[in-house]
Amino acid sequence: MQVLLYLVLATLTVLASMAPAVLYSLLVWWLDRHEKEPWGLLAATFIWGAMPAIFLSIVAEFVLGIPVSGFLGEGGAQFVGISLVAPVVEEVVKGIAILLVFFVFRAEFDGLLDGIVYGALVGFGFAMTENALYFLGALLGGDVAAWLLLVFMRTLVFGLNHGLFSAIVGMGFGYAAVAGSSWQRWLAPTVALGGAMLVHAVHNLTTSVAPELCWPLLISLANDWGGVVVILLIVFLSWDRERGWITQELLAEIPLGTLSREEYETVASYGRRIATQWRALVQDGPSEARRVRRCHQLATDLAFAKHRSRISNGDGSTEKVISRLREEIRALRAQLAE
């Protein structure tokens, strides 16, 4: 009976670490309303957080902990490791994924919202594996009540934490993508990384002393959920800003014949997009709905590419992307008219 209980708990441990990470990732994917990021890049950032970032963090924290332990002793080293070393190491290794996307797939970074998406995904991947390790440790300890409390705290109360920390780093790169000067492009990610480390450190410090003092837990809750609220406010403002890019940049496409007036108004409205795609699905089936959704996506890509061209003073590679997108939209519209 005892063996069966632990098998059930082990299965629940895997589900408790995976299910919240997947759910939160899908929520972030939905928040990216106008221009969905490629699934391949989203999966890659998630996997980086779940595997290489965890491994590198464990190794780096162990190596850095050796000299600290020599100076401060085991207790002091544990405190410094939790409150200082871990936030620095973990935000750096998670940030590597965002850095790679920014430089290798630069066209996919259009602003703060894109940075939030990539940052949150790598954070949720990291949290999934980290939670699994903590949950398995509690399970092996044999205290079911402690296991239940740990699952509750790490998946619900503080379930968004790593997504929040990495989203802050992502925002720095998102700002750099639209910054007007080179010093801003370099400074923004650095400041954002420092901010993520600080918020992470406050969380670790307060939760590490909460079992003895209790009240620091309130600071941690304010720190973490306050950060989530700020991120959500930035997401809402980004929606409005991106809609402004769409309405401004695509208006000139009507006389060029890239879009009709009705298509322009549909692309500019998230609600009308969904309604149009749903109507195509009901009336003409999944294939037609995919083509309609693809047309909306291409039009949004065109608006964002034109915006990038505007702020970069007509970059040659961006102009080629704009021409290609116009051709693809016209070809797809011809298919939809058949």
C-alpha atoms as a PDB file:
ATOM      1  CA  MET A   1       0.000   0.000   0.000  1.00  0.00           C
ATOM      2  CA  GLN A   2       2.862   2.352   0.881  1.00  0.00           C
ATOM      3  CA  VAL A   3       4.563   1.638  -2.432  1.00  0.00           C
ATOM      4  CA  LEU A   4       1.337   2.367  -4.324  1.00  0.00           C
ATOM      5  CA  LEU A   5       0.938   5.658  -2.457  1.00  0.00           C
ATOM      6  CA  TYR A   6       4.420   6.781  -3.449  1.00  0.00           C
ATOM      7  CA  LEU A   7       3.896   5.744  -7.056  1.00  0.00           C
ATOM      8  CA  VAL A   8       0.765   7.894  -7.139  1.00  0.00           C
ATOM      9  CA  LEU A   9       2.611  10.786  -5.500  1.00  0.00           C
ATOM     10  CA  ALA A  10       5.514  10.413  -7.936  1.00  0.00           C
ATOM     11  CA  THR A  11       3.089  10.607 -10.863  1.00  0.00           C
ATOM     12  CA  LEU A  12       1.417  13.636  -9.308  1.00  0.00           C
ATOM     13  CA  THR A  13       4.853  15.184  -8.816  1.00  0.00           C
ATOM     14  CA  VAL A  14       5.556  15.015 -12.547  1.00  0.00           C
ATOM     15  CA  LEU A  15       2.114  16.391 -13.366  1.00  0.00           C
ATOM     16  CA  ALA A  16       2.407  19.121 -10.723  1.00  0.00           C
ATOM     17  CA  SER A  17       5.648  20.353 -12.277  1.00  0.00           C
ATOM     18  CA  MET A  18       4.584  20.051 -15.926  1.00  0.00           C
ATOM     19  CA  ALA A  19       0.937  21.138 -15.920  1.00  0.00           C
ATOM     20  CA  PRO A  20       1.417  24.663 -14.456  1.00  0.00           C
ATOM     21  CA  ALA A  21       4.398  25.337 -16.753  1.00  0.00           C
ATOM     22  CA  VAL A  22       2.373  24.350 -19.816  1.00  0.00           C
ATOM     23  CA  LEU A  23      -0.701  26.265 -18.656  1.00  0.00           C
ATOM     24  CA  TYR A  24       1.233  29.449 -17.890  1.00  0.00           C
ATOM     25  CA  SER A  25       3.109  29.175 -21.196  1.00  0.00           C
ATOM     26  CA  LEU A  26      -0.157  28.911 -23.122  1.00  0.00           C
ATOM     27  CA  LEU A  27      -1.471  31.949 -21.261  1.00  0.00           C
ATOM     28  CA  VAL A  28       1.591  33.964 -22.283  1.00  0.00           C
ATOM     29  CA  TRP A  29       1.213  32.713 -25.868  1.00  0.00           C
ATOM     30  CA  TRP A  30      -2.391  34.001 -25.862  1.00  0.00           C
ATOM     31  CA  LEU A  31      -1.270  37.385 -24.522  1.00  0.00           C
ATOM     32  CA  ASP A  32       0.812  37.813 -27.687  1.00  0.00           C
ATOM     33  CA  ARG A  33      -2.317  38.788 -29.590  1.00  0.00           C
ATOM     34  CA  HIS A  34      -1.272  40.464 -32.804  1.00  0.00           C
ATOM     35  CA  GLU A  35       1.874  38.697 -33.986  1.00  0.00           C
ATOM     36  CA  LYS A  36       2.352  35.193 -32.626  1.00  0.00           C
ATOM     37  CA  GLU A  37       5.974  34.168 -32.244  1.00  0.00           C
ATOM     38  CA  PRO A  38       7.128  31.034 -34.132  1.00  0.00           C
ATOM     39  CA  TRP A  39       6.363  27.806 -32.287  1.00  0.00           C
ATOM     40  CA  GLY A  40       9.886  26.547 -32.911  1.00  0.00           C
ATOM     41  CA  LEU A  41      11.489  29.506 -31.150  1.00  0.00           C
ATOM     42  CA  LEU A  42       9.015  29.330 -28.282  1.00  0.00           C
ATOM     43  CA  ALA A  43       9.747  25.624 -27.826  1.00  0.00           C
ATOM     44  CA  ALA A  44      13.497  26.244 -28.022  1.00  0.00           C
ATOM     45  CA  THR A  45      13.427  28.916 -25.314  1.00  0.00           C
ATOM     46  CA  PHE A  46      11.247  26.712 -23.092  1.00  0.00           C
ATOM     47  CA  ILE A  47      13.571  23.733 -23.548  1.00  0.00           C
ATOM     48  CA  TRP A  48      16.632  25.882 -22.857  1.00  0.00           C
ATOM     49  CA  GLY A  49      15.121  26.863 -19.526  1.00  0.00           C
ATOM     50  CA  ALA A  50      14.082  23.302 -18.708  1.00  0.00           C
ATOM     51  CA  MET A  51      17.392  21.584 -19.476  1.00  0.00           C
ATOM     52  CA  PRO A  52      20.642  23.472 -20.271  1.00  0.00           C
ATOM     53  CA  ALA A  53      19.813  26.413 -17.983  1.00  0.00           C
ATOM     54  CA  ILE A  54      19.093  24.108 -15.047  1.00  0.00           C
ATOM     55  CA  PHE A  55      22.294  22.112 -15.596  1.00  0.00           C
ATOM     56  CA  LEU A  56      24.465  25.209 -15.992  1.00  0.00           C
ATOM     57  CA  SER A  57      22.904  26.800 -12.903  1.00  0.00           C
ATOM     58  CA  ILE A  58      23.533  23.752 -10.731  1.00  0.00           C
ATOM     59  CA  VAL A  59      27.162  23.519 -11.852  1.00  0.00           C
ATOM     60  CA  ALA A  60      27.853  27.260 -11.528  1.00  0.00           C
ATOM     61  CA  GLU A  61      26.187  27.564  -8.115  1.00  0.00           C
ATOM     62  CA  PHE A  62      28.143  24.549  -6.840  1.00  0.00           C
ATOM     63  CA  VAL A  63      31.471  25.922  -8.093  1.00  0.00           C
ATOM     64  CA  LEU A  64      30.820  29.428  -6.752  1.00  0.00           C
ATOM     65  CA  GLY A  65      29.662  27.993  -3.446  1.00  0.00           C
ATOM     66  CA  ILE A  66      33.030  26.372  -2.710  1.00  0.00           C
ATOM     67  CA  PRO A  67      35.024  29.584  -1.989  1.00  0.00           C
ATOM     68  CA  VAL A  68      32.035  31.186  -0.265  1.00  0.00           C
ATOM     69  CA  SER A  69      31.768  28.192   2.058  1.00  0.00           C
ATOM     70  CA  GLY A  70      35.457  28.501   2.859  1.00  0.00           C
ATOM     71  CA  PHE A  71      35.013  32.111   4.006  1.00  0.00           C
ATOM     72  CA  LEU A  72      31.580  32.007   5.650  1.00  0.00           C
ATOM     73  CA  GLY A  73      31.082  28.406   6.700  1.00  0.00           C
ATOM     74  CA  GLU A  74      28.248  26.128   5.630  1.00  0.00           C
ATOM     75  CA  GLY A  75      25.393  28.188   7.092  1.00  0.00           C
ATOM     76  CA  GLY A  76      26.637  31.502   5.731  1.00  0.00           C
ATOM     77  CA  ALA A  77      27.384  29.982   2.340  1.00  0.00           C
ATOM     78  CA  GLN A  78      23.866  28.577   2.109  1.00  0.00           C
ATOM     79  CA  PHE A  79      22.347  31.969   2.908  1.00  0.00           C
ATOM     80  CA  VAL A  80      24.557  33.809   0.395  1.00  0.00           C
ATOM     81  CA  GLY A  81      23.981  31.113  -2.202  1.00  0.00           C
ATOM     82  CA  ILE A  82      20.208  31.383  -1.947  1.00  0.00           C
ATOM     83  CA  SER A  83      19.906  35.162  -1.715  1.00  0.00           C
ATOM     84  CA  LEU A  84      22.761  36.301  -3.969  1.00  0.00           C
ATOM     85  CA  VAL A  85      24.495  33.622  -6.029  1.00  0.00           C
ATOM     86  CA  ALA A  86      21.363  31.838  -7.268  1.00  0.00           C
ATOM     87  CA  PRO A  87      19.588  34.998  -8.573  1.00  0.00           C
ATOM     88  CA  VAL A  88      22.710  36.139 -10.437  1.00  0.00           C
ATOM     89  CA  VAL A  89      23.575  32.753 -11.943  1.00  0.00           C
ATOM     90  CA  GLU A  90      20.039  31.731 -12.873  1.00  0.00           C
ATOM     91  CA  GLU A  91      19.075  35.009 -14.527  1.00  0.00           C
ATOM     92  CA  VAL A  92      22.285  35.002 -16.552  1.00  0.00           C
ATOM     93  CA  VAL A  93      21.888  31.435 -17.830  1.00  0.00           C
ATOM     94  CA  LYS A  94      18.193  31.931 -18.623  1.00  0.00           C
ATOM     95  CA  GLY A  95      19.018  35.202 -20.317  1.00  0.00           C
ATOM     96  CA  ILE A  96      21.362  33.441 -22.739  1.00  0.00           C
ATOM     97  CA  ALA A  97      18.329  32.042 -24.586  1.00  0.00           C
ATOM     98  CA  ILE A  98      16.797  35.511 -24.938  1.00  0.00           C
ATOM     99  CA  LEU A  99      20.147  36.905 -26.079  1.00  0.00           C
ATOM    100  CA  LEU A 100      20.434  34.245 -28.791  1.00  0.00           C
ATOM    101  CA  VAL A 101      16.910  34.862 -30.082  1.00  0.00           C
ATOM    102  CA  PHE A 102      17.581  38.604 -30.130  1.00  0.00           C
ATOM    103  CA  PHE A 103      20.754  38.339 -32.215  1.00  0.00           C
ATOM    104  CA  VAL A 104      20.099  35.254 -34.341  1.00  0.00           C
ATOM    105  CA  PHE A 105      16.383  35.856 -35.018  1.00  0.00           C
ATOM    106  CA  ARG A 106      16.371  39.632 -34.799  1.00  0.00           C
ATOM    107  CA  ALA A 107      13.316  39.988 -37.040  1.00  0.00           C
ATOM    108  CA  GLU A 108      11.221  38.213 -34.390  1.00  0.00           C
ATOM    109  CA  PHE A 109      11.872  40.948 -31.813  1.00  0.00           C
ATOM    110  CA  ASP A 110       9.468  43.825 -32.368  1.00  0.00           C
ATOM    111  CA  GLY A 111       9.155  45.314 -28.902  1.00  0.00           C
ATOM    112  CA  LEU A 112       8.500  44.795 -25.216  1.00  0.00           C
ATOM    113  CA  LEU A 113       5.768  42.207 -25.676  1.00  0.00           C
ATOM    114  CA  ASP A 114       7.994  39.887 -27.699  1.00  0.00           C
ATOM    115  CA  GLY A 115      10.655  40.147 -25.010  1.00  0.00           C
ATOM    116  CA  ILE A 116       8.101  39.299 -22.328  1.00  0.00           C
ATOM    117  CA  VAL A 117       6.955  36.243 -24.292  1.00  0.00           C
ATOM    118  CA  TYR A 118      10.435  34.797 -24.856  1.00  0.00           C
ATOM    119  CA  GLY A 119      11.529  35.635 -21.323  1.00  0.00           C
ATOM    120  CA  ALA A 120       8.467  34.105 -19.698  1.00  0.00           C
ATOM    121  CA  LEU A 121       8.781  30.909 -21.753  1.00  0.00           C
ATOM    122  CA  VAL A 122      12.389  30.281 -20.741  1.00  0.00           C
ATOM    123  CA  GLY A 123      11.410  31.036 -17.152  1.00  0.00           C
ATOM    124  CA  PHE A 124       8.522  28.570 -17.134  1.00  0.00           C
ATOM    125  CA  GLY A 125      10.767  25.886 -18.615  1.00  0.00           C
ATOM    126  CA  PHE A 126      13.271  26.510 -15.828  1.00  0.00           C
ATOM    127  CA  ALA A 127      10.529  26.448 -13.190  1.00  0.00           C
ATOM    128  CA  MET A 128       9.166  23.134 -14.481  1.00  0.00           C
ATOM    129  CA  THR A 129      12.439  21.268 -13.987  1.00  0.00           C
ATOM    130  CA  GLU A 130      13.340  23.067 -10.769  1.00  0.00           C
ATOM    131  CA  ASN A 131       9.922  22.290  -9.302  1.00  0.00           C
ATOM    132  CA  ALA A 132      10.240  18.635 -10.263  1.00  0.00           C
ATOM    133  CA  LEU A 133      13.559  18.420  -8.401  1.00  0.00           C
ATOM    134  CA  TYR A 134      12.135  20.102  -5.298  1.00  0.00           C
ATOM    135  CA  PHE A 135       8.972  17.990  -5.355  1.00  0.00           C
ATOM    136  CA  LEU A 136      10.910  14.751  -5.718  1.00  0.00           C
ATOM    137  CA  GLY A 137      13.164  15.794  -2.839  1.00  0.00           C
ATOM    138  CA  ALA A 138      10.164  16.413  -0.594  1.00  0.00           C
ATOM    139  CA  LEU A 139       8.620  13.128  -1.678  1.00  0.00           C
ATOM    140  CA  LEU A 140      11.793  11.205  -0.840  1.00  0.00           C
ATOM    141  CA  GLY A 141      11.757  12.912   2.551  1.00  0.00           C
ATOM    142  CA  GLY A 142       8.601  10.957   3.312  1.00  0.00           C
ATOM    143  CA  ASP A 143       6.468  13.879   4.540  1.00  0.00           C
ATOM    144  CA  VAL A 144       3.302  13.991   2.433  1.00  0.00           C
ATOM    145  CA  ALA A 145       2.032  17.154   4.146  1.00  0.00           C
ATOM    146  CA  ALA A 146       5.307  18.960   3.378  1.00  0.00           C
ATOM    147  CA  TRP A 147       5.071  17.738  -0.220  1.00  0.00           C
ATOM    148  CA  LEU A 148       1.525  19.104  -0.587  1.00  0.00           C
ATOM    149  CA  LEU A 149       2.512  22.467   0.910  1.00  0.00           C
ATOM    150  CA  LEU A 150       5.540  22.728  -1.365  1.00  0.00           C
ATOM    151  CA  VAL A 151       3.476  21.925  -4.472  1.00  0.00           C
ATOM    152  CA  PHE A 152       0.878  24.531  -3.482  1.00  0.00           C
ATOM    153  CA  MET A 153       3.454  27.251  -2.817  1.00  0.00           C
ATOM    154  CA  ARG A 154       5.627  26.656  -5.879  1.00  0.00           C
ATOM    155  CA  THR A 155       2.877  26.111  -8.469  1.00  0.00           C
ATOM    156  CA  LEU A 156       0.178  28.546  -7.332  1.00  0.00           C
ATOM    157  CA  VAL A 157       1.415  31.115  -4.819  1.00  0.00           C
ATOM    158  CA  PHE A 158       4.800  31.583  -6.510  1.00  0.00           C
ATOM    159  CA  GLY A 159       4.133  29.730  -9.753  1.00  0.00           C
ATOM    160  CA  LEU A 160       4.771  32.726 -12.008  1.00  0.00           C
ATOM    161  CA  ASN A 161       8.071  33.731 -10.432  1.00  0.00           C
ATOM    162  CA  HIS A 162      10.668  32.454 -12.886  1.00  0.00           C
ATOM    163  CA  GLY A 163       8.488  33.621 -15.767  1.00  0.00           C
ATOM    164  CA  LEU A 164       8.377  37.065 -14.154  1.00  0.00           C
ATOM    165  CA  PHE A 165      12.128  37.273 -13.552  1.00  0.00           C
ATOM    166  CA  SER A 166      13.029  36.264 -17.109  1.00  0.00           C
ATOM    167  CA  ALA A 167      10.279  38.446 -18.595  1.00  0.00           C
ATOM    168  CA  ILE A 168      12.028  41.446 -17.044  1.00  0.00           C
ATOM    169  CA  VAL A 169      15.213  40.474 -18.892  1.00  0.00           C
ATOM    170  CA  GLY A 170      13.176  39.974 -22.065  1.00  0.00           C
ATOM    171  CA  MET A 171      11.709  43.454 -21.748  1.00  0.00           C
ATOM    172  CA  GLY A 172      15.211  44.877 -21.786  1.00  0.00           C
ATOM    173  CA  PHE A 173      15.907  43.225 -25.117  1.00  0.00           C
ATOM    174  CA  GLY A 174      12.449  44.216 -26.359  1.00  0.00           C
ATOM    175  CA  TYR A 175      13.195  47.838 -25.566  1.00  0.00           C
ATOM    176  CA  ALA A 176      16.584  47.523 -27.264  1.00  0.00           C
ATOM    177  CA  ALA A 177      14.818  46.327 -30.418  1.00  0.00           C
ATOM    178  CA  VAL A 178      12.996  49.659 -30.792  1.00  0.00           C
ATOM    179  CA  ALA A 179      15.518  51.984 -29.126  1.00  0.00           C
ATOM    180  CA  GLY A 180      16.605  54.993 -31.114  1.00  0.00           C
ATOM    181  CA  SER A 181      20.262  55.113 -30.079  1.00  0.00           C
ATOM    182  CA  SER A 182      23.038  52.566 -29.695  1.00  0.00           C
ATOM    183  CA  TRP A 183      23.701  53.362 -26.035  1.00  0.00           C
ATOM    184  CA  GLN A 184      20.053  52.616 -25.217  1.00  0.00           C
ATOM    185  CA  ARG A 185      20.263  49.314 -27.079  1.00  0.00           C
ATOM    186  CA  TRP A 186      23.217  48.251 -24.938  1.00  0.00           C
ATOM    187  CA  LEU A 187      22.024  49.739 -21.642  1.00  0.00           C
ATOM    188  CA  ALA A 188      18.448  48.443 -21.632  1.00  0.00           C
ATOM    189  CA  PRO A 189      19.243  44.688 -21.447  1.00  0.00           C
ATOM    190  CA  THR A 190      21.905  45.321 -18.792  1.00  0.00           C
ATOM    191  CA  VAL A 191      19.550  47.322 -16.580  1.00  0.00           C
ATOM    192  CA  ALA A 192      16.783  44.768 -17.106  1.00  0.00           C
ATOM    193  CA  LEU A 193      19.100  41.907 -16.130  1.00  0.00           C
ATOM    194  CA  GLY A 194      20.037  43.763 -12.956  1.00  0.00           C
ATOM    195  CA  GLY A 195      16.361  44.379 -12.207  1.00  0.00           C
ATOM    196  CA  ALA A 196      15.535  40.698 -12.663  1.00  0.00           C
ATOM    197  CA  MET A 197      18.374  39.716 -10.334  1.00  0.00           C
ATOM    198  CA  LEU A 198      17.137  42.193  -7.730  1.00  0.00           C
ATOM    199  CA  VAL A 199      13.515  41.005  -7.812  1.00  0.00           C
ATOM    200  CA  HIS A 200      14.728  37.381  -7.716  1.00  0.00           C
ATOM    201  CA  ALA A 201      17.056  38.135  -4.797  1.00  0.00           C
ATOM    202  CA  VAL A 202      14.300  39.838  -2.793  1.00  0.00           C
ATOM    203  CA  HIS A 203      12.082  36.795  -3.292  1.00  0.00           C
ATOM    204  CA  ASN A 204      14.789  34.328  -2.269  1.00  0.00           C
ATOM    205  CA  LEU A 205      15.888  36.371   0.733  1.00  0.00           C
ATOM    206  CA  THR A 206      12.403  36.904   2.137  1.00  0.00           C
ATOM    207  CA  THR A 207      11.201  33.344   1.609  1.00  0.00           C
ATOM    208  CA  SER A 208      14.381  31.903   3.127  1.00  0.00           C
ATOM    209  CA  VAL A 209      13.777  33.729   6.439  1.00  0.00           C
ATOM    210  CA  ALA A 210       9.955  33.456   6.362  1.00  0.00           C
ATOM    211  CA  PRO A 211       9.794  30.122   8.261  1.00  0.00           C
ATOM    212  CA  GLU A 212      11.332  31.853  11.328  1.00  0.00           C
ATOM    213  CA  LEU A 213       9.802  35.340  11.076  1.00  0.00           C
ATOM    214  CA  CYS A 214       6.659  34.884   8.885  1.00  0.00           C
ATOM    215  CA  TRP A 215       6.229  38.584   8.012  1.00  0.00           C
ATOM    216  CA  PRO A 216       8.922  38.568   5.244  1.00  0.00           C
ATOM    217  CA  LEU A 217       6.540  36.330   3.308  1.00  0.00           C
ATOM    218  CA  LEU A 218       4.307  39.384   2.839  1.00  0.00           C
ATOM    219  CA  ILE A 219       7.233  41.251   1.288  1.00  0.00           C
ATOM    220  CA  SER A 220       7.828  38.341  -1.050  1.00  0.00           C
ATOM    221  CA  LEU A 221       4.173  38.251  -2.093  1.00  0.00           C
ATOM    222  CA  ALA A 222       4.155  42.015  -2.726  1.00  0.00           C
ATOM    223  CA  ASN A 223       7.442  41.760  -4.630  1.00  0.00           C
ATOM    224  CA  ASP A 224       6.358  38.875  -6.851  1.00  0.00           C
ATOM    225  CA  TRP A 225       2.703  39.656  -7.502  1.00  0.00           C
ATOM    226  CA  GLY A 226       3.453  43.360  -7.792  1.00  0.00           C
ATOM    227  CA  GLY A 227       5.894  42.464 -10.553  1.00  0.00           C
ATOM    228  CA  VAL A 228       3.268  40.327 -12.278  1.00  0.00           C
ATOM    229  CA  VAL A 229       0.799  43.230 -12.198  1.00  0.00           C
ATOM    230  CA  VAL A 230       3.397  45.565 -13.721  1.00  0.00           C
ATOM    231  CA  ILE A 231       4.134  43.048 -16.478  1.00  0.00           C
ATOM    232  CA  LEU A 232       0.419  42.727 -17.260  1.00  0.00           C
ATOM    233  CA  LEU A 233       0.045  46.514 -17.451  1.00  0.00           C
ATOM    234  CA  ILE A 234       2.949  46.627 -19.913  1.00  0.00           C
ATOM    235  CA  VAL A 235       1.273  43.858 -21.943  1.00  0.00           C
ATOM    236  CA  PHE A 236      -1.965  45.864 -22.156  1.00  0.00           C
ATOM    237  CA  LEU A 237      -0.068  49.002 -23.193  1.00  0.00           C
ATOM    238  CA  SER A 238       1.832  46.937 -25.773  1.00  0.00           C
ATOM    239  CA  TRP A 239      -1.449  45.733 -27.274  1.00  0.00           C
ATOM    240  CA  ASP A 240      -2.454  49.345 -27.870  1.00  0.00           C
ATOM    241  CA  ARG A 241       0.958  50.255 -29.246  1.00  0.00           C
ATOM    242  CA  GLU A 242       1.052  47.304 -31.643  1.00  0.00           C
ATOM    243  CA  ARG A 243      -2.466  48.064 -32.845  1.00  0.00           C
ATOM    244  CA  GLY A 244      -1.206  51.594 -33.565  1.00  0.00           C
ATOM    245  CA  TRP A 245       1.613  50.162 -35.690  1.00  0.00           C
ATOM    246  CA  ILE A 246      -0.889  48.049 -37.625  1.00  0.00           C
ATOM    247  CA  THR A 247      -3.338  50.866 -38.305  1.00  0.00           C
ATOM    248  CA  GLN A 248      -0.581  53.312 -39.250  1.00  0.00           C
ATOM    249  CA  GLU A 249       1.601  51.085 -41.395  1.00  0.00           C
ATOM    250  CA  LEU A 250      -1.099  49.161 -43.269  1.00  0.00           C
ATOM    251  CA  LEU A 251      -3.189  52.152 -44.260  1.00  0.00           C
ATOM    252  CA  ALA A 252      -0.825  52.863 -47.164  1.00  0.00           C
ATOM    253  CA  GLU A 253      -1.256  49.260 -48.374  1.00  0.00           C
ATOM    254  CA  ILE A 254      -4.876  49.875 -49.428  1.00  0.00           C
ATOM    255  CA  PRO A 255      -4.077  52.055 -52.496  1.00  0.00           C
ATOM    256  CA  LEU A 256      -1.215  49.673 -53.333  1.00  0.00           C
ATOM    257  CA  GLY A 257      -3.722  46.822 -53.577  1.00  0.00           C
ATOM    258  CA  THR A 258      -2.045  44.725 -50.878  1.00  0.00           C
ATOM    259  CA  LEU A 259      -5.204  44.838 -48.737  1.00  0.00           C
ATOM    260  CA  SER A 260      -8.775  45.974 -49.228  1.00  0.00           C
ATOM    261  CA  ARG A 261     -10.349  48.492 -46.862  1.00  0.00           C
ATOM    262  CA  GLU A 262     -12.392  45.726 -45.218  1.00  0.00           C
ATOM    263  CA  GLU A 263      -9.328  43.507 -44.757  1.00  0.00           C
ATOM    264  CA  TYR A 264      -7.405  46.434 -43.306  1.00  0.00           C
ATOM    265  CA  GLU A 265     -10.143  47.099 -40.744  1.00  0.00           C
ATOM    266  CA  THR A 266     -10.296  43.395 -39.877  1.00  0.00           C
ATOM    267  CA  VAL A 267      -6.544  43.085 -39.305  1.00  0.00           C
ATOM    268  CA  ALA A 268      -6.594  46.213 -37.140  1.00  0.00           C
ATOM    269  CA  SER A 269      -9.220  44.698 -34.801  1.00  0.00           C
ATOM    270  CA  TYR A 270      -8.412  41.585 -32.749  1.00  0.00           C
ATOM    271  CA  GLY A 271     -12.120  40.883 -32.242  1.00  0.00           C
ATOM    272  CA  ARG A 272     -12.865  41.091 -35.970  1.00  0.00           C
ATOM    273  CA  ARG A 273      -9.914  38.838 -36.728  1.00  0.00           C
ATOM    274  CA  ILE A 274     -11.247  36.110 -34.441  1.00  0.00           C
ATOM    275  CA  ALA A 275     -14.786  36.511 -35.800  1.00  0.00           C
ATOM    276  CA  THR A 276     -13.566  36.292 -39.415  1.00  0.00           C
ATOM    277  CA  GLN A 277     -11.438  33.231 -38.729  1.00  0.00           C
ATOM    278  CA  TRP A 278     -14.290  31.523 -36.880  1.00  0.00           C
ATOM    279  CA  ARG A 279     -16.724  32.277 -39.710  1.00  0.00           C
ATOM    280  CA  ALA A 280     -14.290  30.792 -42.241  1.00  0.00           C
ATOM    281  CA  LEU A 281     -13.946  27.675 -40.072  1.00  0.00           C
ATOM    282  CA  VAL A 282     -17.714  27.170 -39.765  1.00  0.00           C
ATOM    283  CA  GLN A 283     -18.573  27.951 -43.375  1.00  0.00           C
ATOM    284  CA  ASP A 284     -15.593  26.577 -45.315  1.00  0.00           C
ATOM    285  CA  GLY A 285     -13.661  24.282 -42.995  1.00  0.00           C
ATOM    286  CA  PRO A 286     -10.239  24.181 -41.294  1.00  0.00           C
ATOM    287  CA  SER A 287      -8.166  24.713 -44.462  1.00  0.00           C
ATOM    288  CA  GLU A 288      -9.910  27.960 -45.295  1.00  0.00           C
ATOM    289  CA  ALA A 289      -9.685  29.130 -41.691  1.00  0.00           C
ATOM    290  CA  ARG A 290      -5.934  28.486 -41.723  1.00  0.00           C
ATOM    291  CA  ARG A 291      -5.551  30.528 -44.902  1.00  0.00           C
ATOM    292  CA  VAL A 292      -7.528  33.414 -43.416  1.00  0.00           C
ATOM    293  CA  ARG A 293      -5.461  33.289 -40.218  1.00  0.00           C
ATOM    294  CA  ARG A 294      -2.282  33.141 -42.295  1.00  0.00           C
ATOM    295  CA  CYS A 295      -3.360  36.212 -44.254  1.00  0.00           C
ATOM    296  CA  HIS A 296      -3.966  38.129 -41.026  1.00  0.00           C
ATOM    297  CA  GLN A 297      -0.571  37.025 -39.703  1.00  0.00           C
ATOM    298  CA  LEU A 298       1.233  38.090 -42.878  1.00  0.00           C
ATOM    299  CA  ALA A 299      -0.465  41.491 -42.799  1.00  0.00           C
ATOM    300  CA  THR A 300       0.641  41.967 -39.200  1.00  0.00           C
ATOM    301  CA  ASP A 301       4.180  40.863 -40.087  1.00  0.00           C
ATOM    302  CA  LEU A 302       4.128  43.442 -42.880  1.00  0.00           C
ATOM    303  CA  ALA A 303       3.064  46.209 -40.489  1.00  0.00           C
ATOM    304  CA  PHE A 304       5.776  45.297 -38.002  1.00  0.00           C
ATOM    305  CA  ALA A 305       8.421  45.029 -40.741  1.00  0.00           C
ATOM    306  CA  LYS A 306       7.485  48.485 -42.034  1.00  0.00           C
ATOM    307  CA  HIS A 307       7.743  49.818 -38.486  1.00  0.00           C
ATOM    308  CA  ARG A 308      11.220  48.272 -38.115  1.00  0.00           C
ATOM    309  CA  SER A 309      12.216  49.835 -41.431  1.00  0.00           C
ATOM    310  CA  ARG A 310      10.951  53.211 -40.263  1.00  0.00           C
ATOM    311  CA  ILE A 311      12.980  53.220 -37.040  1.00  0.00           C
ATOM    312  CA  SER A 312      16.096  51.834 -38.763  1.00  0.00           C
ATOM    313  CA  ASN A 313      15.912  54.377 -41.608  1.00  0.00           C
ATOM    314  CA  GLY A 314      15.211  51.897 -44.374  1.00  0.00           C
ATOM    315  CA  ASP A 315      17.427  48.894 -43.718  1.00  0.00           C
ATOM    316  CA  GLY A 316      17.992  47.019 -46.995  1.00  0.00           C
ATOM    317  CA  SER A 317      17.236  43.540 -45.640  1.00  0.00           C
ATOM    318  CA  THR A 318      13.998  44.780 -44.084  1.00  0.00           C
ATOM    319  CA  GLU A 319      12.897  46.255 -47.405  1.00  0.00           C
ATOM    320  CA  LYS A 320      13.327  42.823 -49.003  1.00  0.00           C
ATOM    321  CA  VAL A 321      11.172  41.314 -46.258  1.00  0.00           C
ATOM    322  CA  ILE A 322       8.495  43.942 -46.893  1.00  0.00           C
ATOM    323  CA  SER A 323       8.436  43.167 -50.636  1.00  0.00           C
ATOM    324  CA  ARG A 324       8.235  39.431 -49.961  1.00  0.00           C
ATOM    325  CA  LEU A 325       5.381  39.859 -47.491  1.00  0.00           C
ATOM    326  CA  ARG A 326       3.402  41.972 -49.961  1.00  0.00           C
ATOM    327  CA  GLU A 327       3.778  39.277 -52.605  1.00  0.00           C
ATOM    328  CA  GLU A 328       2.724  36.529 -50.202  1.00  0.00           C
ATOM    329  CA  ILE A 329      -0.343  38.492 -49.082  1.00  0.00           C
ATOM    330  CA  ARG A 330      -1.457  39.142 -52.666  1.00  0.00           C
ATOM    331  CA  ALA A 331      -0.975  35.485 -53.601  1.00  0.00           C
ATOM    332  CA  LEU A 332      -2.912  34.293 -50.565  1.00  0.00           C
ATOM    333  CA  ARG A 333      -5.725  36.784 -51.178  1.00  0.00           C
ATOM    334  CA  ALA A 334      -5.994  35.410 -54.730  1.00  0.00           C
ATOM    335  CA  GLN A 335      -6.396  31.899 -53.306  1.00  0.00           C
ATOM    336  CA  LEU A 336      -9.062  33.074 -50.866  1.00  0.00           C
ATOM    337  CA  ALA A 337     -10.986  34.759 -53.701  1.00  0.00           C
ATOM    338  CA  GLU A 338     -11.190  31.544 -55.747  1.00  0.00           C
END
